[in-house]
C-alpha atoms as a PDB file:
ATOM      1  CA  MET A   1     -19.216 -20.106   2.525  1.00  0.00           C
ATOM      2  CA  LYS A   2     -16.976 -17.745   0.519  1.00  0.00           C
ATOM      3  CA  ALA A   3     -13.599 -16.149   2.012  1.00  0.00           C
ATOM      4  CA  ALA A   4     -15.499 -12.658   1.725  1.00  0.00           C
ATOM      5  CA  GLU A   5     -18.366 -14.034   3.734  1.00  0.00           C
ATOM      6  CA  LYS A   6     -16.276 -15.411   6.383  1.00  0.00           C
ATOM      7  CA  TYR A   7     -14.284 -12.182   6.740  1.00  0.00           C
ATOM      8  CA  ARG A   8     -17.289 -10.024   6.876  1.00  0.00           C
ATOM      9  CA  ARG A   9     -18.867 -12.246   9.456  1.00  0.00           C
ATOM     10  CA  VAL A  10     -15.635 -11.963  11.959  1.00  0.00           C
ATOM     11  CA  PHE A  11     -14.480  -8.301  11.171  1.00  0.00           C
ATOM     12  CA  GLY A  12     -17.752  -6.612   9.603  1.00  0.00           C
ATOM     13  CA  SER A  13     -17.669  -4.506   6.432  1.00  0.00           C
ATOM     14  CA  ILE A  14     -18.487  -1.256   5.057  1.00  0.00           C
ATOM     15  CA  SER A  15     -21.264  -0.437   2.370  1.00  0.00           C
ATOM     16  CA  HIS A  16     -20.034   2.930   1.083  1.00  0.00           C
ATOM     17  CA  LEU A  17     -16.695   4.791   1.010  1.00  0.00           C
ATOM     18  CA  LYS A  18     -18.261   7.409   3.155  1.00  0.00           C
ATOM     19  CA  ASP A  19     -18.120   4.984   6.241  1.00  0.00           C
ATOM     20  CA  GLN A  20     -15.448   6.015   8.574  1.00  0.00           C
ATOM     21  CA  ILE A  21     -12.813   3.403   9.485  1.00  0.00           C
ATOM     22  CA  PRO A  22     -11.218   3.879  12.794  1.00  0.00           C
ATOM     23  CA  TRP A  23      -7.439   4.548  12.874  1.00  0.00           C
ATOM     24  CA  THR A  24      -6.822   1.596  14.832  1.00  0.00           C
ATOM     25  CA  THR A  25      -7.951  -0.673  12.026  1.00  0.00           C
ATOM     26  CA  GLY A  26      -4.587   0.368  10.466  1.00  0.00           C
ATOM     27  CA  LEU A  27      -2.727  -1.504  13.208  1.00  0.00           C
ATOM     28  CA  SER A  28      -4.742  -4.859  12.515  1.00  0.00           C
ATOM     29  CA  ASN A  29      -4.147  -4.143   8.686  1.00  0.00           C
ATOM     30  CA  MET A  30      -0.324  -4.194   9.395  1.00  0.00           C
ATOM     31  CA  VAL A  31      -0.902  -7.529  11.174  1.00  0.00           C
ATOM     32  CA  GLU A  32      -2.730  -8.661   8.164  1.00  0.00           C
ATOM     33  CA  PHE A  33      -0.021  -7.866   5.889  1.00  0.00           C
ATOM     34  CA  LEU A  34       2.405  -9.703   7.738  1.00  0.00           C
ATOM     35  CA  VAL A  35       0.255 -12.687   8.159  1.00  0.00           C
ATOM     36  CA  TRP A  36      -0.424 -13.007   4.433  1.00  0.00           C
ATOM     37  CA  GLU A  37       3.222 -12.045   3.661  1.00  0.00           C
ATOM     38  CA  PRO A  38       5.226 -14.292   6.104  1.00  0.00           C
ATOM     39  CA  GLN A  39       8.156 -13.754   3.836  1.00  0.00           C
ATOM     40  CA  ARG A  40       8.622 -10.463   5.194  1.00  0.00           C
ATOM     41  CA  VAL A  41       9.164 -11.966   8.720  1.00  0.00           C
ATOM     42  CA  LEU A  42      10.801 -15.288   7.825  1.00  0.00           C
ATOM     43  CA  GLY A  43      13.141 -14.004   5.005  1.00  0.00           C
ATOM     44  CA  ILE A  44      11.984 -16.624   2.661  1.00  0.00           C
ATOM     45  CA  SER A  45       8.423 -17.899   1.661  1.00  0.00           C
ATOM     46  CA  LYS A  46       6.629 -20.149   4.173  1.00  0.00           C
ATOM     47  CA  LYS A  47       6.768 -23.116   1.897  1.00  0.00           C
ATOM     48  CA  GLN A  48      10.597 -22.703   1.455  1.00  0.00           C
ATOM     49  CA  TYR A  49      10.974 -22.268   5.271  1.00  0.00           C
ATOM     50  CA  VAL A  50       9.079 -25.649   5.910  1.00  0.00           C
ATOM     51  CA  ASN A  51      10.977 -27.373   3.144  1.00  0.00           C
ATOM     52  CA  GLN A  52      14.306 -26.258   4.597  1.00  0.00           C
ATOM     53  CA  ILE A  53      13.353 -27.372   8.036  1.00  0.00           C
ATOM     54  CA  ILE A  54      12.174 -30.781   6.812  1.00  0.00           C
ATOM     55  CA  GLU A  55      15.545 -31.212   4.751  1.00  0.00           C
ATOM     56  CA  TRP A  56      17.701 -30.585   7.762  1.00  0.00           C
ATOM     57  CA  ALA A  57      15.420 -32.654  10.054  1.00  0.00           C
ATOM     58  CA  THR A  58      15.734 -35.708   7.534  1.00  0.00           C
ATOM     59  CA  SER A  59      19.369 -35.525   6.574  1.00  0.00           C
ATOM     60  CA  PRO A  60      21.213 -38.938   6.769  1.00  0.00           C
ATOM     61  CA  GLU A  61      23.621 -37.514   9.481  1.00  0.00           C
ATOM     62  CA  LEU A  62      20.568 -37.159  11.926  1.00  0.00           C
ATOM     63  CA  LYS A  63      19.151 -40.689  11.127  1.00  0.00           C
ATOM     64  CA  ASP A  64      18.394 -42.414  14.463  1.00  0.00           C
ATOM     65  CA  LYS A  65      18.740 -39.454  16.519  1.00  0.00           C
ATOM     66  CA  SER A  66      16.639 -38.415  19.191  1.00  0.00           C
ATOM     67  CA  LEU A  67      13.801 -35.605  18.692  1.00  0.00           C
ATOM     68  CA  GLU A  68      16.095 -33.461  21.134  1.00  0.00           C
ATOM     69  CA  GLU A  69      19.176 -34.014  19.205  1.00  0.00           C
ATOM     70  CA  ILE A  70      17.444 -33.345  15.886  1.00  0.00           C
ATOM     71  CA  GLN A  71      15.920 -30.002  17.362  1.00  0.00           C
ATOM     72  CA  LYS A  72      19.364 -29.022  18.688  1.00  0.00           C
ATOM     73  CA  GLU A  73      21.066 -29.367  15.169  1.00  0.00           C
ATOM     74  CA  VAL A  74      18.076 -27.672  13.338  1.00  0.00           C
ATOM     75  CA  ASN A  75      18.442 -24.694  15.828  1.00  0.00           C
ATOM     76  CA  LYS A  76      21.931 -24.693  15.157  1.00  0.00           C
ATOM     77  CA  LYS A  77      21.778 -24.613  11.395  1.00  0.00           C
ATOM     78  CA  LEU A  78      18.727 -22.097  11.486  1.00  0.00           C
ATOM     79  CA  ASN A  79      20.897 -19.508  13.688  1.00  0.00           C
ATOM     80  CA  GLN A  80      23.874 -20.053  11.218  1.00  0.00           C
ATOM     81  CA  LYS A  81      21.609 -18.956   8.399  1.00  0.00           C
ATOM     82  CA  MET A  82      20.042 -15.969  10.160  1.00  0.00           C
ATOM     83  CA  SER A  83      23.433 -14.929  11.191  1.00  0.00           C
ATOM     84  CA  GLU A  84      24.709 -15.043   7.566  1.00  0.00           C
ATOM     85  CA  SER A  85      21.800 -12.921   6.282  1.00  0.00           C
ATOM     86  CA  GLU A  86      21.665 -10.182   8.907  1.00  0.00           C
ATOM     87  CA  GLN A  87      23.158  -6.750   8.126  1.00  0.00           C
ATOM     88  CA  LEU A  88      24.235  -4.431  10.855  1.00  0.00           C
ATOM     89  CA  GLU A  89      24.182  -1.028   8.864  1.00  0.00           C
ATOM     90  CA  THR A  90      20.814   0.519   8.459  1.00  0.00           C
ATOM     91  CA  TYR A  91      20.910   0.939   4.665  1.00  0.00           C
ATOM     92  CA  SER A  92      23.083  -2.281   3.805  1.00  0.00           C
ATOM     93  CA  THR A  93      21.984  -3.981   0.584  1.00  0.00           C
ATOM     94  CA  GLN A  94      19.235  -6.383   1.217  1.00  0.00           C
ATOM     95  CA  THR A  95      20.263  -9.972   1.508  1.00  0.00           C
ATOM     96  CA  THR A  96      18.018 -13.130   0.558  1.00  0.00           C
ATOM     97  CA  GLY A  97      17.487 -15.999   2.857  1.00  0.00           C
ATOM     98  CA  ILE A  98      16.189 -16.630   6.404  1.00  0.00           C
ATOM     99  CA  CYS A  99      16.519 -13.681   8.851  1.00  0.00           C
ATOM    100  CA  ASN A 100      16.101 -13.228  12.447  1.00  0.00           C
ATOM    101  CA  ALA A 101      13.651 -10.619  13.962  1.00  0.00           C
ATOM    102  CA  ARG A 102      15.885  -7.539  13.855  1.00  0.00           C
ATOM    103  CA  GLU A 103      16.897  -8.060  10.182  1.00  0.00           C
ATOM    104  CA  ALA A 104      13.218  -8.480   9.242  1.00  0.00           C
ATOM    105  CA  VAL A 105      12.269  -5.207  11.005  1.00  0.00           C
ATOM    106  CA  ARG A 106      15.135  -3.480   9.303  1.00  0.00           C
ATOM    107  CA  ARG A 107      13.856  -4.809   5.811  1.00  0.00           C
ATOM    108  CA  VAL A 108      10.135  -3.563   6.166  1.00  0.00           C
ATOM    109  CA  LYS A 109      10.940  -0.273   8.118  1.00  0.00           C
ATOM    110  CA  PHE A 110      13.545   1.053   5.610  1.00  0.00           C
ATOM    111  CA  PHE A 111      12.871  -0.833   2.214  1.00  0.00           C
ATOM    112  CA  SER A 112       9.402  -2.219   2.090  1.00  0.00           C
ATOM    113  CA  GLU A 113       6.835  -0.245  -0.085  1.00  0.00           C
ATOM    114  CA  ASP A 114       4.047  -2.432   1.411  1.00  0.00           C
ATOM    115  CA  TYR A 115       5.013  -1.211   4.747  1.00  0.00           C
ATOM    116  CA  LEU A 116       5.102   2.422   3.845  1.00  0.00           C
ATOM    117  CA  ASN A 117       1.559   1.818   2.563  1.00  0.00           C
ATOM    118  CA  LYS A 118       0.223   0.739   5.758  1.00  0.00           C
ATOM    119  CA  GLU A 119       2.129   3.887   7.590  1.00  0.00           C
ATOM    120  CA  PHE A 120       0.610   6.198   5.126  1.00  0.00           C
ATOM    121  CA  ASP A 121      -3.062   4.504   5.751  1.00  0.00           C
ATOM    122  CA  ILE A 122      -2.792   5.304   9.492  1.00  0.00           C
ATOM    123  CA  PHE A 123      -1.346   8.835   8.805  1.00  0.00           C
ATOM    124  CA  LEU A 124      -3.992   9.729   6.313  1.00  0.00           C
ATOM    125  CA  SER A 125      -6.832   8.223   8.733  1.00  0.00           C
ATOM    126  CA  LEU A 126      -5.621  10.569  11.602  1.00  0.00           C
ATOM    127  CA  CYS A 127      -5.202  13.797   9.401  1.00  0.00           C
ATOM    128  CA  SER A 128      -7.641  16.579   9.845  1.00  0.00           C
ATOM    129  CA  ASP A 129     -10.291  17.496   7.091  1.00  0.00           C
ATOM    130  CA  ILE A 130      -8.565  20.951   6.894  1.00  0.00           C
ATOM    131  CA  TYR A 131      -5.189  19.264   6.223  1.00  0.00           C
ATOM    132  CA  LEU A 132      -6.716  16.947   3.529  1.00  0.00           C
ATOM    133  CA  ASN A 133      -8.557  19.826   1.822  1.00  0.00           C
ATOM    134  CA  LEU A 134      -5.470  21.952   1.629  1.00  0.00           C
ATOM    135  CA  PHE A 135      -3.254  19.075   0.505  1.00  0.00           C
ATOM    136  CA  TYR A 136      -5.697  17.964  -2.121  1.00  0.00           C
ATOM    137  CA  GLY A 137      -6.740  21.323  -2.995  1.00  0.00           C
ATOM    138  CA  GLN A 138      -3.351  21.871  -4.706  1.00  0.00           C
ATOM    139  CA  PHE A 139      -4.185  19.441  -7.265  1.00  0.00           C
ATOM    140  CA  ILE A 140      -7.896  19.502  -8.261  1.00  0.00           C
ATOM    141  CA  ASN A 141     -10.815  21.953  -7.500  1.00  0.00           C
ATOM    142  CA  PHE A 142     -13.569  20.788  -5.307  1.00  0.00           C
ATOM    143  CA  ASP A 143     -15.830  22.273  -2.582  1.00  0.00           C
ATOM    144  CA  GLN A 144     -13.757  22.198   0.567  1.00  0.00           C
ATOM    145  CA  SER A 145     -16.525  21.324   2.992  1.00  0.00           C
ATOM    146  CA  GLY A 146     -17.492  17.979   4.611  1.00  0.00           C
ATOM    147  CA  SER A 147     -15.498  15.227   5.934  1.00  0.00           C
ATOM    148  CA  TRP A 148     -12.957  12.788   4.569  1.00  0.00           C
ATOM    149  CA  SER A 149     -12.808   8.931   5.021  1.00  0.00           C
ATOM    150  CA  THR A 150      -9.783   7.048   3.963  1.00  0.00           C
ATOM    151  CA  HIS A 151      -9.380   3.378   3.203  1.00  0.00           C
ATOM    152  CA  GLY A 152      -6.174   1.306   2.762  1.00  0.00           C
ATOM    153  CA  ASN A 153      -5.857  -1.813   0.757  1.00  0.00           C
ATOM    154  CA  SER A 154      -7.039  -4.125   3.519  1.00  0.00           C
ATOM    155  CA  GLY A 155      -9.442  -7.116   4.098  1.00  0.00           C
ATOM    156  CA  ILE A 156     -12.321  -5.128   5.019  1.00  0.00           C
ATOM    157  CA  PHE A 157     -12.096  -2.979   1.815  1.00  0.00           C
ATOM    158  CA  GLU A 158     -11.315  -6.190  -0.392  1.00  0.00           C
ATOM    159  CA  TYR A 159     -13.983  -8.358   1.068  1.00  0.00           C
ATOM    160  CA  SER A 160     -16.539  -5.574   1.506  1.00  0.00           C
ATOM    161  CA  THR A 161     -16.251  -4.407  -2.231  1.00  0.00           C
ATOM    162  CA  GLU A 162     -15.265  -7.861  -3.718  1.00  0.00           C
ATOM    163  CA  LEU A 163     -13.045  -6.007  -6.078  1.00  0.00           C
ATOM    164  CA  ASN A 164     -10.824  -8.479  -7.636  1.00  0.00           C
ATOM    165  CA  ALA A 165      -9.703  -6.982 -10.688  1.00  0.00           C
ATOM    166  CA  MET A 166      -6.845  -4.744  -9.266  1.00  0.00           C
ATOM    167  CA  PHE A 167      -5.500  -3.708  -5.915  1.00  0.00           C
ATOM    168  CA  MET A 168      -5.356  -0.098  -4.990  1.00  0.00           C
ATOM    169  CA  ASP A 169      -2.995   1.584  -2.185  1.00  0.00           C
ATOM    170  CA  ASN A 170      -5.111   4.185  -0.591  1.00  0.00           C
ATOM    171  CA  LEU A 171      -8.566   5.955  -1.122  1.00  0.00           C
ATOM    172  CA  SER A 172      -9.656   9.335   0.220  1.00  0.00           C
ATOM    173  CA  TYR A 173     -13.279  10.094  -0.215  1.00  0.00           C
ATOM    174  CA  ASN A 174     -15.138  13.163   0.549  1.00  0.00           C
ATOM    175  CA  HIS A 175     -19.015  12.406   0.123  1.00  0.00           C
ATOM    176  CA  GLU A 176     -20.225  15.905   0.585  1.00  0.00           C
ATOM    177  CA  ALA A 177     -17.793  17.284  -2.016  1.00  0.00           C
ATOM    178  CA  ASN A 178     -18.338  14.132  -4.145  1.00  0.00           C
ATOM    179  CA  ILE A 179     -14.712  13.555  -4.719  1.00  0.00           C
ATOM    180  CA  LEU A 180     -12.441  10.416  -4.858  1.00  0.00           C
ATOM    181  CA  ILE A 181      -8.608  10.652  -4.513  1.00  0.00           C
ATOM    182  CA  ALA A 182      -6.892   7.469  -5.362  1.00  0.00           C
ATOM    183  CA  ASN A 183      -3.316   7.680  -3.731  1.00  0.00           C
ATOM    184  CA  GLU A 184      -0.853   5.421  -5.645  1.00  0.00           C
ATOM    185  CA  LEU A 185       2.416   5.014  -3.488  1.00  0.00           C
ATOM    186  CA  LYS A 186       5.755   4.223  -4.756  1.00  0.00           C
ATOM    187  CA  LEU A 187       8.802   3.821  -2.695  1.00  0.00           C
ATOM    188  CA  ASN A 188      11.013   4.663  -5.659  1.00  0.00           C
ATOM    189  CA  GLY A 189       9.441   2.434  -8.211  1.00  0.00           C
ATOM    190  CA  LYS A 190       7.802   3.096 -11.760  1.00  0.00           C
ATOM    191  CA  LYS A 191       4.051   3.399 -12.503  1.00  0.00           C
ATOM    192  CA  ASN A 192       2.819  -0.019 -13.646  1.00  0.00           C
ATOM    193  CA  ALA A 193       2.122  -0.331 -17.552  1.00  0.00           C
ATOM    194  CA  ASP A 194      -1.629  -0.506 -17.049  1.00  0.00           C
ATOM    195  CA  GLN A 195      -2.090   1.435 -13.861  1.00  0.00           C
ATOM    196  CA  ILE A 196      -4.377   4.319 -14.832  1.00  0.00           C
ATOM    197  CA  LEU A 197      -6.544   2.145 -16.794  1.00  0.00           C
ATOM    198  CA  LYS A 198      -6.994  -0.209 -13.762  1.00  0.00           C
ATOM    199  CA  TYR A 199      -7.862   2.866 -11.475  1.00  0.00           C
ATOM    200  CA  CYS A 200     -10.477   3.915 -14.000  1.00  0.00           C
ATOM    201  CA  LEU A 201     -11.814   0.218 -13.810  1.00  0.00           C
ATOM    202  CA  MET A 202     -12.043   0.438 -10.146  1.00  0.00           C
ATOM    203  CA  TYR A 203     -13.649   3.785 -10.234  1.00  0.00           C
ATOM    204  CA  GLU A 204     -16.483   2.504 -12.653  1.00  0.00           C
ATOM    205  CA  TYR A 205     -16.873  -0.478 -10.335  1.00  0.00           C
ATOM    206  CA  LEU A 206     -17.240   1.353  -7.309  1.00  0.00           C
ATOM    207  CA  SER A 207     -19.844   3.617  -8.839  1.00  0.00           C
ATOM    208  CA  GLU A 208     -21.869   0.725 -10.234  1.00  0.00           C
ATOM    209  CA  ILE A 209     -22.036  -1.250  -6.746  1.00  0.00           C
ATOM    210  CA  GLY A 210     -22.870   2.044  -5.021  1.00  0.00           C
ATOM    211  CA  PHE A 211     -19.764   2.569  -3.205  1.00  0.00           C
ATOM    212  CA  ILE A 212     -19.212   6.043  -4.569  1.00  0.00           C
ATOM    213  CA  ASP A 213     -21.912   8.604  -5.794  1.00  0.00           C
ATOM    214  CA  LYS A 214     -22.448   9.028  -9.461  1.00  0.00           C
ATOM    215  CA  ASP A 215     -20.198  11.538 -11.197  1.00  0.00           C
ATOM    216  CA  ALA A 216     -17.785  11.735  -8.384  1.00  0.00           C
ATOM    217  CA  LYS A 217     -14.647  13.858  -9.218  1.00  0.00           C
ATOM    218  CA  PHE A 218     -11.691  11.617  -9.571  1.00  0.00           C
ATOM    219  CA  LEU A 219      -7.929  12.316  -8.995  1.00  0.00           C
ATOM    220  CA  LEU A 220      -5.250   9.650  -9.358  1.00  0.00           C
ATOM    221  CA  LEU A 221      -2.356  10.988  -7.359  1.00  0.00           C
ATOM    222  CA  PHE A 222       0.950   9.316  -7.725  1.00  0.00           C
ATOM    223  CA  ILE A 223       3.553   9.899  -4.844  1.00  0.00           C
ATOM    224  CA  GLY A 224       6.981   8.534  -5.344  1.00  0.00           C
ATOM    225  CA  GLY A 225      10.653   9.264  -5.409  1.00  0.00           C
ATOM    226  CA  SER A 226      10.404  11.146  -8.529  1.00  0.00           C
ATOM    227  CA  VAL A 227       7.533  12.622 -10.613  1.00  0.00           C
ATOM    228  CA  LEU A 228       6.049  11.140 -13.739  1.00  0.00           C
ATOM    229  CA  LYS A 229       7.645  12.865 -16.788  1.00  0.00           C
ATOM    230  CA  GLU A 230       4.586  12.648 -19.097  1.00  0.00           C
ATOM    231  CA  ASP A 231       1.302  14.242 -19.163  1.00  0.00           C
ATOM    232  CA  LYS A 232      -1.889  12.340 -18.529  1.00  0.00           C
ATOM    233  CA  GLN A 233      -2.764  11.850 -22.403  1.00  0.00           C
ATOM    234  CA  SER A 234       0.637  10.690 -23.170  1.00  0.00           C
ATOM    235  CA  LEU A 235       0.587   8.012 -20.284  1.00  0.00           C
ATOM    236  CA  VAL A 236      -2.891   6.861 -21.244  1.00  0.00           C
ATOM    237  CA  ASP A 237      -1.954   6.496 -24.821  1.00  0.00           C
ATOM    238  CA  GLN A 238       1.161   4.391 -23.853  1.00  0.00           C
ATOM    239  CA  GLU A 239      -1.262   2.216 -21.531  1.00  0.00           C
ATOM    240  CA  ILE A 240      -3.702   1.771 -24.395  1.00  0.00           C
ATOM    241  CA  ALA A 241      -1.109   0.838 -27.015  1.00  0.00           C
ATOM    242  CA  MET A 242       0.180  -1.631 -24.500  1.00  0.00           C
ATOM    243  CA  CYS A 243      -3.243  -3.271 -23.905  1.00  0.00           C
ATOM    244  CA  GLN A 244      -3.902  -3.294 -27.648  1.00  0.00           C
ATOM    245  CA  SER A 245      -0.813  -5.392 -28.256  1.00  0.00           C
ATOM    246  CA  LYS A 246      -2.060  -8.089 -25.913  1.00  0.00           C
ATOM    247  CA  PRO A 247      -5.899  -7.761 -26.510  1.00  0.00           C
ATOM    248  CA  GLU A 248      -6.686 -11.335 -25.141  1.00  0.00           C
ATOM    249  CA  LYS A 249      -5.289 -10.252 -21.636  1.00  0.00           C
ATOM    250  CA  TYR A 250      -6.201  -6.598 -21.758  1.00  0.00           C
ATOM    251  CA  GLN A 251      -9.546  -6.417 -23.590  1.00  0.00           C
ATOM    252  CA  HIS A 252     -11.639  -5.680 -20.428  1.00  0.00           C
ATOM    253  CA  LEU A 253      -9.491  -2.326 -20.200  1.00  0.00           C
ATOM    254  CA  LEU A 254     -10.192  -1.193 -23.628  1.00  0.00           C
ATOM    255  CA  ARG A 255     -13.950  -0.998 -23.301  1.00  0.00           C
ATOM    256  CA  PRO A 256     -15.324   2.473 -24.490  1.00  0.00           C
ATOM    257  CA  GLU A 257     -17.135   2.947 -21.078  1.00  0.00           C
ATOM    258  CA  LEU A 258     -13.788   2.832 -19.256  1.00  0.00           C
ATOM    259  CA  LEU A 259     -12.159   5.182 -21.689  1.00  0.00           C
ATOM    260  CA  GLU A 260     -14.877   7.538 -21.017  1.00  0.00           C
ATOM    261  CA  VAL A 261     -13.866   7.473 -17.317  1.00  0.00           C
ATOM    262  CA  VAL A 262     -10.292   8.494 -18.554  1.00  0.00           C
ATOM    263  CA  THR A 263     -11.388  11.811 -19.953  1.00  0.00           C
ATOM    264  CA  HIS A 264     -12.751  12.736 -16.623  1.00  0.00           C
ATOM    265  CA  LEU A 265      -9.809  11.590 -14.526  1.00  0.00           C
ATOM    266  CA  GLU A 266      -7.273  14.089 -13.446  1.00  0.00           C
ATOM    267  CA  VAL A 267      -3.802  12.583 -12.981  1.00  0.00           C
ATOM    268  CA  VAL A 268      -0.982  14.177 -10.655  1.00  0.00           C
ATOM    269  CA  SER A 269       2.418  13.165  -9.627  1.00  0.00           C
ATOM    270  CA  ILE A 270       4.603  14.672  -6.556  1.00  0.00           C
ATOM    271  CA  THR A 271       7.514  13.248  -4.732  1.00  0.00           C
ATOM    272  CA  TRP A 272       7.816  12.213  -1.064  1.00  0.00           C
ATOM    273  CA  GLN A 273      10.137  15.328  -0.530  1.00  0.00           C
ATOM    274  CA  SER A 274       7.386  17.577  -1.736  1.00  0.00           C
ATOM    275  CA  LEU A 275       5.009  16.006   0.721  1.00  0.00           C
ATOM    276  CA  ILE A 276       7.556  16.340   3.481  1.00  0.00           C
ATOM    277  CA  GLU A 277       7.816  19.953   2.392  1.00  0.00           C
ATOM    278  CA  PHE A 278       3.956  20.443   2.288  1.00  0.00           C
ATOM    279  CA  ASN A 279       3.952  19.068   5.773  1.00  0.00           C
ATOM    280  CA  ASN A 280       6.432  21.670   7.102  1.00  0.00           C
ATOM    281  CA  HIS A 281       4.728  24.468   5.604  1.00  0.00           C
ATOM    282  CA  TYR A 282       1.392  23.386   7.032  1.00  0.00           C
ATOM    283  CA  LEU A 283       3.139  23.259  10.500  1.00  0.00           C
ATOM    284  CA  ASN A 284       4.496  26.500  10.184  1.00  0.00           C
ATOM    285  CA  ASP A 285       1.476  28.544   8.678  1.00  0.00           C
ATOM    286  CA  ASN A 286      -1.485  26.999  10.770  1.00  0.00           C
ATOM    287  CA  GLU A 287      -2.557  27.018  14.222  1.00  0.00           C
ATOM    288  CA  ILE A 288      -2.876  23.097  14.917  1.00  0.00           C
ATOM    289  CA  CYS A 289      -3.138  21.144  18.007  1.00  0.00           C
ATOM    290  CA  GLN A 290      -0.218  19.268  19.479  1.00  0.00           C
ATOM    291  CA  VAL A 291      -1.530  15.983  18.228  1.00  0.00           C
ATOM    292  CA  GLU A 292      -1.542  16.929  14.643  1.00  0.00           C
ATOM    293  CA  GLN A 293       1.963  18.419  15.084  1.00  0.00           C
ATOM    294  CA  LYS A 294       3.104  15.030  16.358  1.00  0.00           C
ATOM    295  CA  LEU A 295       1.513  13.252  13.650  1.00  0.00           C
ATOM    296  CA  LEU A 296       3.022  15.293  10.707  1.00  0.00           C
ATOM    297  CA  GLN A 297       6.483  15.550  12.419  1.00  0.00           C
ATOM    298  CA  GLY A 298       6.553  11.790  13.148  1.00  0.00           C
ATOM    299  CA  PHE A 299       5.474  10.825   9.473  1.00  0.00           C
ATOM    300  CA  ASN A 300       8.075  13.197   8.096  1.00  0.00           C
ATOM    301  CA  GLN A 301      10.658  11.650  10.310  1.00  0.00           C
ATOM    302  CA  SER A 302       9.701   8.070   9.115  1.00  0.00           C
ATOM    303  CA  LEU A 303       9.690   9.225   5.541  1.00  0.00           C
ATOM    304  CA  GLN A 304      13.248  10.757   5.779  1.00  0.00           C
ATOM    305  CA  SER A 305      14.534   7.448   7.214  1.00  0.00           C
ATOM    306  CA  LYS A 306      13.386   5.434   4.177  1.00  0.00           C
ATOM    307  CA  SER A 307      16.174   3.787   2.171  1.00  0.00           C
ATOM    308  CA  PHE A 308      15.491   5.709  -1.313  1.00  0.00           C
ATOM    309  CA  MET A 309      16.122   8.919   0.607  1.00  0.00           C
ATOM    310  CA  HIS A 310      19.543   7.828   1.328  1.00  0.00           C
ATOM    311  CA  LEU A 311      20.834   5.370  -1.466  1.00  0.00           C
END
């Protein structure tokens, strides 16, 4: 039985992006992220961690020692390593090596782009349709009716679609308006060299397998520490040139059908600071319930605490 089948049997699946995912799924996606990326908790990869414990436990000085004595010595070395890697200032430079729980949380909360993606997934799944209409309406024209469903890069998306060619960050889809928004999040990093073409590949694939309706409008929205300096055509030309320089690796991104998707794609770039400002205007200009007030204020506070806002 394939991994996708096992996952679907246990956790269920979706058959179309219009399927609503409860916001609580964002919590299990957070757990999923940590389970598949134990380095975020341990400070080093699981293999490195195991090898280090074995190395300590089988060192010559512990030969003929009892299990209790070996455990005591290994714990001593482990505590020493964790003490050496811990930083006691919020935005201190990240260190490498085994870390304790407090240091692990510091690293993901303030420095991890993956963790930000999971926060964003939960935030977007709780936003009202009115908010999403106004937010996305800044960048692309569409019929502001119907409801939005949002999907993070999680097991339920991956194993339902079986999309293996690329990994997205977050998708917003409005079935009635027939519009797909791909939210590509950057803590403070740069766009990947083939990112626009890969999102076009995703759009083509989702359309072929019936997860989005044909001819859906498509917006790729980059949110990062700074805006993209080039326009869409310049960015696409750079990606095509890069792919043409390595045709054996990127031929699948140079197909005429995929380049046709590019012509209909809208590409927009904003900063996290501008998202914070939009949220503040939305709070001030609209009569909204207390729950949405807390949602927007809390997400703004989390964004403002990220390392790239301070370093």
